[in-house]
Amino acid sequence: MTIFTKRSLAYLGACALALASPALADGRIAKDIGPQGACDSHAKGSAAWRACVGQASAKMSDEELFYAGYWLAKSGQYAQALSYLSRAGQKDERVLTYIGFATRKLGRVDEALPFYAKALEINANYVVARAYLGEAFLSQDDLGRAQGELAEIAARCGVTCPAYVDLDAQIADYKVRAAKG
């Protein structure tokens, strides 16, 4: 009979999750898988995909705006992502999180923080916002607050959920870089 410790069970759970979760280009598991839409047959962010999505406009539904904004942000097209996300009439926790993400990736970390805070006001359990907020804190060299978000994620979804695994790896990378000084 094999006896598993909490740590070994958490590790096994993280491994199983990693196998079932979408992988990022750097091999990490994704915090979320993103929305699906009518333009999914094209590579996200490509010219064909952008033509399919169309220009950001008031005629687009909030879901269409989020779909386009999310994938543009994930494709590194942050300014374009903001042109879609900022048009959403209902700025739910997802929209606010990705406005924060795109803003932060444009180098405006202080400006991004209130978007994450508002997302968490709407839904304190939205761990994707917590993970990105933790990354923002790391970019400000605030390891303690990043670890605080990691603890909040653990309390809300455990140590095997993608948001936890990803932020934990980000913190580990930060510590390695800091040690090299």
C-alpha atoms as a PDB file:
ATOM      1  CA  MET A   1       0.000   0.000   0.000  1.00  0.00           C
ATOM      2  CA  THR A   2       1.366   3.392  -0.992  1.00  0.00           C
ATOM      3  CA  ILE A   3       0.927   6.355   1.336  1.00  0.00           C
ATOM      4  CA  PHE A   4       0.861   9.794  -0.237  1.00  0.00           C
ATOM      5  CA  THR A   5       1.675  12.971   1.627  1.00  0.00           C
ATOM      6  CA  LYS A   6      -0.230  16.203   0.995  1.00  0.00           C
ATOM      7  CA  ARG A   7       2.800  17.502  -0.891  1.00  0.00           C
ATOM      8  CA  SER A   8       3.050  14.429  -3.143  1.00  0.00           C
ATOM      9  CA  LEU A   9      -0.688  14.533  -3.834  1.00  0.00           C
ATOM     10  CA  ALA A  10      -0.440  18.221  -4.718  1.00  0.00           C
ATOM     11  CA  TYR A  11       2.450  17.437  -7.042  1.00  0.00           C
ATOM     12  CA  LEU A  12       0.537  14.600  -8.710  1.00  0.00           C
ATOM     13  CA  GLY A  13      -2.491  16.871  -9.066  1.00  0.00           C
ATOM     14  CA  ALA A  14      -0.353  19.589 -10.645  1.00  0.00           C
ATOM     15  CA  CYS A  15       1.111  17.062 -13.081  1.00  0.00           C
ATOM     16  CA  ALA A  16      -2.341  15.801 -14.061  1.00  0.00           C
ATOM     17  CA  LEU A  17      -3.547  19.373 -14.449  1.00  0.00           C
ATOM     18  CA  ALA A  18      -0.559  20.252 -16.584  1.00  0.00           C
ATOM     19  CA  LEU A  19      -1.356  17.358 -18.906  1.00  0.00           C
ATOM     20  CA  ALA A  20      -4.983  18.483 -19.228  1.00  0.00           C
ATOM     21  CA  SER A  21      -4.341  22.240 -19.443  1.00  0.00           C
ATOM     22  CA  PRO A  22      -3.271  24.186 -22.506  1.00  0.00           C
ATOM     23  CA  ALA A  23       0.452  24.904 -22.606  1.00  0.00           C
ATOM     24  CA  LEU A  24       2.002  28.263 -23.311  1.00  0.00           C
ATOM     25  CA  ALA A  25       4.901  28.708 -25.722  1.00  0.00           C
ATOM     26  CA  ASP A  26       7.367  28.562 -22.808  1.00  0.00           C
ATOM     27  CA  GLY A  27       5.910  25.259 -21.562  1.00  0.00           C
ATOM     28  CA  ARG A  28       3.964  26.688 -18.605  1.00  0.00           C
ATOM     29  CA  ILE A  29       0.296  25.856 -18.246  1.00  0.00           C
ATOM     30  CA  ALA A  30      -2.158  28.593 -19.126  1.00  0.00           C
ATOM     31  CA  LYS A  31      -4.151  30.376 -16.423  1.00  0.00           C
ATOM     32  CA  ASP A  32      -7.207  30.227 -18.641  1.00  0.00           C
ATOM     33  CA  ILE A  33      -7.996  28.923 -22.082  1.00  0.00           C
ATOM     34  CA  GLY A  34      -9.635  32.043 -23.451  1.00  0.00           C
ATOM     35  CA  PRO A  35     -12.924  32.510 -25.214  1.00  0.00           C
ATOM     36  CA  GLN A  36     -13.920  30.731 -28.384  1.00  0.00           C
ATOM     37  CA  GLY A  37     -15.354  32.510 -31.373  1.00  0.00           C
ATOM     38  CA  ALA A  38     -16.311  32.345 -35.019  1.00  0.00           C
ATOM     39  CA  CYS A  39     -12.782  33.289 -36.117  1.00  0.00           C
ATOM     40  CA  ASP A  40     -10.999  30.394 -34.394  1.00  0.00           C
ATOM     41  CA  SER A  41     -10.132  28.759 -37.711  1.00  0.00           C
ATOM     42  CA  HIS A  42      -7.493  31.484 -38.200  1.00  0.00           C
ATOM     43  CA  ALA A  43      -4.288  31.915 -36.184  1.00  0.00           C
ATOM     44  CA  LYS A  44      -5.041  34.344 -33.363  1.00  0.00           C
ATOM     45  CA  GLY A  45      -3.755  37.829 -34.124  1.00  0.00           C
ATOM     46  CA  SER A  46      -3.003  37.023 -37.780  1.00  0.00           C
ATOM     47  CA  ALA A  47      -4.158  39.273 -40.624  1.00  0.00           C
ATOM     48  CA  ALA A  48      -6.859  36.739 -41.564  1.00  0.00           C
ATOM     49  CA  TRP A  49      -8.036  36.542 -37.962  1.00  0.00           C
ATOM     50  CA  ARG A  50      -8.122  40.361 -37.648  1.00  0.00           C
ATOM     51  CA  ALA A  51     -10.119  40.582 -40.888  1.00  0.00           C
ATOM     52  CA  CYS A  52     -12.576  38.009 -39.552  1.00  0.00           C
ATOM     53  CA  VAL A  53     -12.944  39.801 -36.203  1.00  0.00           C
ATOM     54  CA  GLY A  54     -13.326  43.223 -37.812  1.00  0.00           C
ATOM     55  CA  GLN A  55     -12.560  46.647 -36.423  1.00  0.00           C
ATOM     56  CA  ALA A  56     -13.544  47.480 -32.847  1.00  0.00           C
ATOM     57  CA  SER A  57     -16.913  49.206 -32.930  1.00  0.00           C
ATOM     58  CA  ALA A  58     -19.886  50.059 -30.782  1.00  0.00           C
ATOM     59  CA  LYS A  59     -21.905  47.562 -32.855  1.00  0.00           C
ATOM     60  CA  MET A  60     -19.963  44.627 -31.420  1.00  0.00           C
ATOM     61  CA  SER A  61     -21.361  42.725 -28.450  1.00  0.00           C
ATOM     62  CA  ASP A  62     -19.412  42.659 -25.206  1.00  0.00           C
ATOM     63  CA  GLU A  63     -18.579  38.996 -25.881  1.00  0.00           C
ATOM     64  CA  GLU A  64     -17.191  39.849 -29.330  1.00  0.00           C
ATOM     65  CA  LEU A  65     -15.174  42.704 -27.854  1.00  0.00           C
ATOM     66  CA  PHE A  66     -13.793  40.468 -25.117  1.00  0.00           C
ATOM     67  CA  TYR A  67     -12.973  37.683 -27.602  1.00  0.00           C
ATOM     68  CA  ALA A  68     -10.991  40.043 -29.848  1.00  0.00           C
ATOM     69  CA  GLY A  69      -9.365  41.924 -26.967  1.00  0.00           C
ATOM     70  CA  TYR A  70      -8.358  38.779 -25.114  1.00  0.00           C
ATOM     71  CA  TRP A  71      -6.681  37.166 -28.113  1.00  0.00           C
ATOM     72  CA  LEU A  72      -4.988  40.365 -29.240  1.00  0.00           C
ATOM     73  CA  ALA A  73      -3.575  40.784 -25.725  1.00  0.00           C
ATOM     74  CA  LYS A  74      -2.430  37.160 -25.635  1.00  0.00           C
ATOM     75  CA  SER A  75      -0.820  37.702 -29.066  1.00  0.00           C
ATOM     76  CA  GLY A  76       1.196  40.652 -27.756  1.00  0.00           C
ATOM     77  CA  GLN A  77      -0.877  43.283 -29.547  1.00  0.00           C
ATOM     78  CA  TYR A  78      -1.635  45.201 -26.382  1.00  0.00           C
ATOM     79  CA  ALA A  79      -2.681  48.597 -27.744  1.00  0.00           C
ATOM     80  CA  GLN A  80      -5.039  46.948 -30.224  1.00  0.00           C
ATOM     81  CA  ALA A  81      -6.446  44.771 -27.435  1.00  0.00           C
ATOM     82  CA  LEU A  82      -7.264  47.864 -25.408  1.00  0.00           C
ATOM     83  CA  SER A  83      -9.198  49.353 -28.336  1.00  0.00           C
ATOM     84  CA  TYR A  84     -11.612  46.386 -28.105  1.00  0.00           C
ATOM     85  CA  LEU A  85     -11.681  45.806 -24.353  1.00  0.00           C
ATOM     86  CA  SER A  86     -12.270  49.458 -23.482  1.00  0.00           C
ATOM     87  CA  ARG A  87     -15.429  49.505 -25.658  1.00  0.00           C
ATOM     88  CA  ALA A  88     -17.182  46.810 -23.638  1.00  0.00           C
ATOM     89  CA  GLY A  89     -20.332  48.186 -22.048  1.00  0.00           C
ATOM     90  CA  GLN A  90     -20.300  45.650 -19.208  1.00  0.00           C
ATOM     91  CA  LYS A  91     -16.812  45.634 -17.768  1.00  0.00           C
ATOM     92  CA  ASP A  92     -16.904  42.371 -15.853  1.00  0.00           C
ATOM     93  CA  GLU A  93     -13.947  40.831 -14.063  1.00  0.00           C
ATOM     94  CA  ARG A  94     -12.645  39.226 -17.258  1.00  0.00           C
ATOM     95  CA  VAL A  95     -12.667  42.468 -19.259  1.00  0.00           C
ATOM     96  CA  LEU A  96     -11.099  44.442 -16.406  1.00  0.00           C
ATOM     97  CA  THR A  97      -8.409  41.810 -15.895  1.00  0.00           C
ATOM     98  CA  TYR A  98      -7.369  41.902 -19.526  1.00  0.00           C
ATOM     99  CA  ILE A  99      -7.457  45.690 -19.644  1.00  0.00           C
ATOM    100  CA  GLY A 100      -5.051  45.492 -16.710  1.00  0.00           C
ATOM    101  CA  PHE A 101      -2.975  42.820 -18.450  1.00  0.00           C
ATOM    102  CA  ALA A 102      -2.621  44.793 -21.704  1.00  0.00           C
ATOM    103  CA  THR A 103      -1.933  48.032 -19.843  1.00  0.00           C
ATOM    104  CA  ARG A 104       0.739  46.344 -17.712  1.00  0.00           C
ATOM    105  CA  LYS A 105       2.361  44.764 -20.754  1.00  0.00           C
ATOM    106  CA  LEU A 106       2.576  48.247 -22.311  1.00  0.00           C
ATOM    107  CA  GLY A 107       4.777  49.146 -19.329  1.00  0.00           C
ATOM    108  CA  ARG A 108       2.132  51.081 -17.407  1.00  0.00           C
ATOM    109  CA  VAL A 109       2.054  48.906 -14.300  1.00  0.00           C
ATOM    110  CA  ASP A 110       0.757  51.574 -11.908  1.00  0.00           C
ATOM    111  CA  GLU A 111      -2.095  52.304 -14.302  1.00  0.00           C
ATOM    112  CA  ALA A 112      -2.928  48.579 -14.547  1.00  0.00           C
ATOM    113  CA  LEU A 113      -3.290  47.951 -10.803  1.00  0.00           C
ATOM    114  CA  PRO A 114      -6.727  49.604 -10.399  1.00  0.00           C
ATOM    115  CA  PHE A 115      -8.150  47.383 -13.155  1.00  0.00           C
ATOM    116  CA  TYR A 116      -7.094  44.250 -11.282  1.00  0.00           C
ATOM    117  CA  ALA A 117      -8.469  45.723  -8.050  1.00  0.00           C
ATOM    118  CA  LYS A 118     -11.841  46.464  -9.671  1.00  0.00           C
ATOM    119  CA  ALA A 119     -11.963  42.961 -11.167  1.00  0.00           C
ATOM    120  CA  LEU A 120     -11.417  41.528  -7.684  1.00  0.00           C
ATOM    121  CA  GLU A 121     -14.069  43.840  -6.224  1.00  0.00           C
ATOM    122  CA  ILE A 122     -16.521  42.276  -8.650  1.00  0.00           C
ATOM    123  CA  ASN A 123     -15.322  38.717  -8.033  1.00  0.00           C
ATOM    124  CA  ALA A 124     -12.763  38.098  -5.287  1.00  0.00           C
ATOM    125  CA  ASN A 125     -12.496  34.475  -6.453  1.00  0.00           C
ATOM    126  CA  TYR A 126     -11.368  35.349  -9.985  1.00  0.00           C
ATOM    127  CA  VAL A 127      -7.917  33.845  -9.593  1.00  0.00           C
ATOM    128  CA  VAL A 128      -6.747  34.852 -13.067  1.00  0.00           C
ATOM    129  CA  ALA A 129      -6.862  38.494 -11.915  1.00  0.00           C
ATOM    130  CA  ARG A 130      -4.978  37.524  -8.762  1.00  0.00           C
ATOM    131  CA  ALA A 131      -2.264  35.780 -10.771  1.00  0.00           C
ATOM    132  CA  TYR A 132      -1.785  38.775 -13.066  1.00  0.00           C
ATOM    133  CA  LEU A 133      -1.831  41.099 -10.061  1.00  0.00           C
ATOM    134  CA  GLY A 134       0.915  38.953  -8.544  1.00  0.00           C
ATOM    135  CA  GLU A 135       2.927  39.332 -11.755  1.00  0.00           C
ATOM    136  CA  ALA A 136       2.414  43.100 -11.592  1.00  0.00           C
ATOM    137  CA  PHE A 137       3.766  43.116  -8.043  1.00  0.00           C
ATOM    138  CA  LEU A 138       6.807  41.138  -9.185  1.00  0.00           C
ATOM    139  CA  SER A 139       7.450  43.720 -11.903  1.00  0.00           C
ATOM    140  CA  GLN A 140       7.505  46.305  -9.100  1.00  0.00           C
ATOM    141  CA  ASP A 141       9.924  44.136  -7.084  1.00  0.00           C
ATOM    142  CA  ASP A 142       7.248  43.536  -4.447  1.00  0.00           C
ATOM    143  CA  LEU A 143       7.758  39.843  -3.760  1.00  0.00           C
ATOM    144  CA  GLY A 144       5.753  39.951  -0.520  1.00  0.00           C
ATOM    145  CA  ARG A 145       2.563  41.162  -2.191  1.00  0.00           C
ATOM    146  CA  ALA A 146       3.031  38.665  -5.049  1.00  0.00           C
ATOM    147  CA  GLN A 147       3.309  35.879  -2.481  1.00  0.00           C
ATOM    148  CA  GLY A 148       0.193  37.259  -0.817  1.00  0.00           C
ATOM    149  CA  GLU A 149      -1.730  36.833  -4.069  1.00  0.00           C
ATOM    150  CA  LEU A 150      -0.312  33.320  -4.400  1.00  0.00           C
ATOM    151  CA  ALA A 151      -1.673  32.504  -0.935  1.00  0.00           C
ATOM    152  CA  GLU A 152      -5.069  33.954  -1.895  1.00  0.00           C
ATOM    153  CA  ILE A 153      -5.131  31.790  -5.019  1.00  0.00           C
ATOM    154  CA  ALA A 154      -4.247  28.711  -2.960  1.00  0.00           C
ATOM    155  CA  ALA A 155      -7.093  29.484  -0.557  1.00  0.00           C
ATOM    156  CA  ARG A 156      -9.573  29.865  -3.425  1.00  0.00           C
ATOM    157  CA  CYS A 157      -8.659  27.038  -5.795  1.00  0.00           C
ATOM    158  CA  GLY A 158      -5.783  25.085  -4.286  1.00  0.00           C
ATOM    159  CA  VAL A 159      -2.163  24.620  -5.227  1.00  0.00           C
ATOM    160  CA  THR A 160      -2.894  22.623  -8.376  1.00  0.00           C
ATOM    161  CA  CYS A 161      -5.064  25.132 -10.216  1.00  0.00           C
ATOM    162  CA  PRO A 162      -3.435  26.753 -13.270  1.00  0.00           C
ATOM    163  CA  ALA A 163      -3.384  30.271 -11.766  1.00  0.00           C
ATOM    164  CA  TYR A 164      -1.485  29.001  -8.722  1.00  0.00           C
ATOM    165  CA  VAL A 165       0.950  26.853 -10.697  1.00  0.00           C
ATOM    166  CA  ASP A 166       1.719  29.705 -13.089  1.00  0.00           C
ATOM    167  CA  LEU A 167       2.204  32.418 -10.454  1.00  0.00           C
ATOM    168  CA  ASP A 168       4.248  30.039  -8.305  1.00  0.00           C
ATOM    169  CA  ALA A 169       6.569  29.487 -11.295  1.00  0.00           C
ATOM    170  CA  GLN A 170       6.726  33.253 -11.927  1.00  0.00           C
ATOM    171  CA  ILE A 171       7.751  33.798  -8.299  1.00  0.00           C
ATOM    172  CA  ALA A 172      10.367  31.038  -8.509  1.00  0.00           C
ATOM    173  CA  ASP A 173      11.806  32.659 -11.672  1.00  0.00           C
ATOM    174  CA  TYR A 174      11.815  36.045  -9.946  1.00  0.00           C
ATOM    175  CA  LYS A 175      13.753  34.603  -7.003  1.00  0.00           C
ATOM    176  CA  VAL A 176      16.328  33.057  -9.338  1.00  0.00           C
ATOM    177  CA  ARG A 177      16.790  36.372 -11.179  1.00  0.00           C
ATOM    178  CA  ALA A 178      17.039  38.246  -7.877  1.00  0.00           C
ATOM    179  CA  ALA A 179      19.670  35.825  -6.573  1.00  0.00           C
ATOM    180  CA  LYS A 180      21.774  36.427  -9.687  1.00  0.00           C
ATOM    181  CA  GLY A 181      21.381  40.125  -8.912  1.00  0.00           C
END
